Amino acid sequence: FNPMIGIAGVSCVPTTAKVVQKIATDANPRAIILPQALGANISGVITTAIIAATYVALLR
């Protein structure tokens, strides 16, 4: 499931996390990876905000 968690790192909250959970459930009906997928999702959002702030600061 590790590659699926990586896919959830895309900062499109919570759509990618839900898609990853659906794919995991199709592979294993007992798999619950939504909390980990949401964690990666939120990390992607935070990283995007930091990078955007860095670009704004550097391009002034």
Protein backbone atom coordinates (compact mmCIF):
# COMPACT_ATOMS: atom_id res chain seq x y z
CA PHE A 1 0.00 0.00 0.00
CA ASN A 2 3.00 2.36 0.22
CA PRO A 3 2.73 3.60 -3.39
CA MET A 4 -0.93 4.42 -2.77
CA ILE A 5 -0.04 6.56 0.25
CA GLY A 6 2.45 8.41 -1.96
CA ILE A 7 -0.28 9.13 -4.48
CA ALA A 8 -2.36 10.65 -1.69
CA GLY A 9 0.39 13.23 -1.14
CA VAL A 10 -1.02 15.25 -4.00
CA SER A 11 -2.55 18.34 -2.44
CA CYS A 12 -6.10 17.80 -3.61
CA VAL A 13 -7.87 17.37 -0.28
CA PRO A 14 -9.62 14.94 0.33
CA THR A 15 -10.24 13.59 -3.16
CA THR A 16 -6.98 11.68 -3.59
CA ALA A 17 -7.26 10.15 -0.11
CA LYS A 18 -10.75 8.86 -0.92
CA VAL A 19 -9.57 7.44 -4.26
CA VAL A 20 -6.67 5.66 -2.54
CA GLN A 21 -9.02 4.21 0.08
CA LYS A 22 -11.33 2.92 -2.65
CA ILE A 23 -8.43 1.27 -4.51
CA ALA A 24 -7.17 -0.32 -1.26
CA THR A 25 -10.66 -1.57 -0.43
CA ASP A 26 -10.95 -3.15 -3.87
CA ALA A 27 -7.65 -4.98 -3.30
CA ASN A 28 -8.41 -5.95 0.32
CA PRO A 29 -11.90 -5.29 1.72
CA ARG A 30 -10.54 -5.12 5.29
CA ALA A 31 -7.89 -2.49 4.50
CA ILE A 32 -8.40 0.87 6.14
CA ILE A 33 -5.72 3.29 5.01
CA LEU A 34 -7.77 6.47 4.95
CA PRO A 35 -6.09 7.97 8.07
CA GLN A 36 -2.62 7.48 6.59
CA ALA A 37 -3.79 8.76 3.20
CA LEU A 38 -5.26 11.89 4.80
CA GLY A 39 -2.01 12.45 6.70
CA ALA A 40 -0.06 12.36 3.45
CA ASN A 41 -2.71 14.59 1.89
CA ILE A 42 -2.38 17.26 4.58
CA SER A 43 1.42 17.05 4.38
CA GLY A 44 1.16 17.79 0.67
CA VAL A 45 -0.97 20.86 1.37
CA ILE A 46 1.49 22.16 3.98
CA THR A 47 4.43 21.59 1.65
CA THR A 48 2.66 23.41 -1.17
CA ALA A 49 2.00 26.39 1.11
CA ILE A 50 5.64 26.54 2.20
CA ILE A 51 6.91 26.35 -1.38
CA ALA A 52 4.47 29.02 -2.52
CA ALA A 53 5.56 31.33 0.30
CA THR A 54 9.21 30.74 -0.59
CA TYR A 55 8.55 31.62 -4.25
CA VAL A 56 6.70 34.78 -3.27
CA ALA A 57 9.56 35.81 -0.97
CA LEU A 58 12.23 35.11 -3.59
CA LEU A 59 10.46 36.69 -6.57
CA ARG A 60 9.86 40.09 -4.96
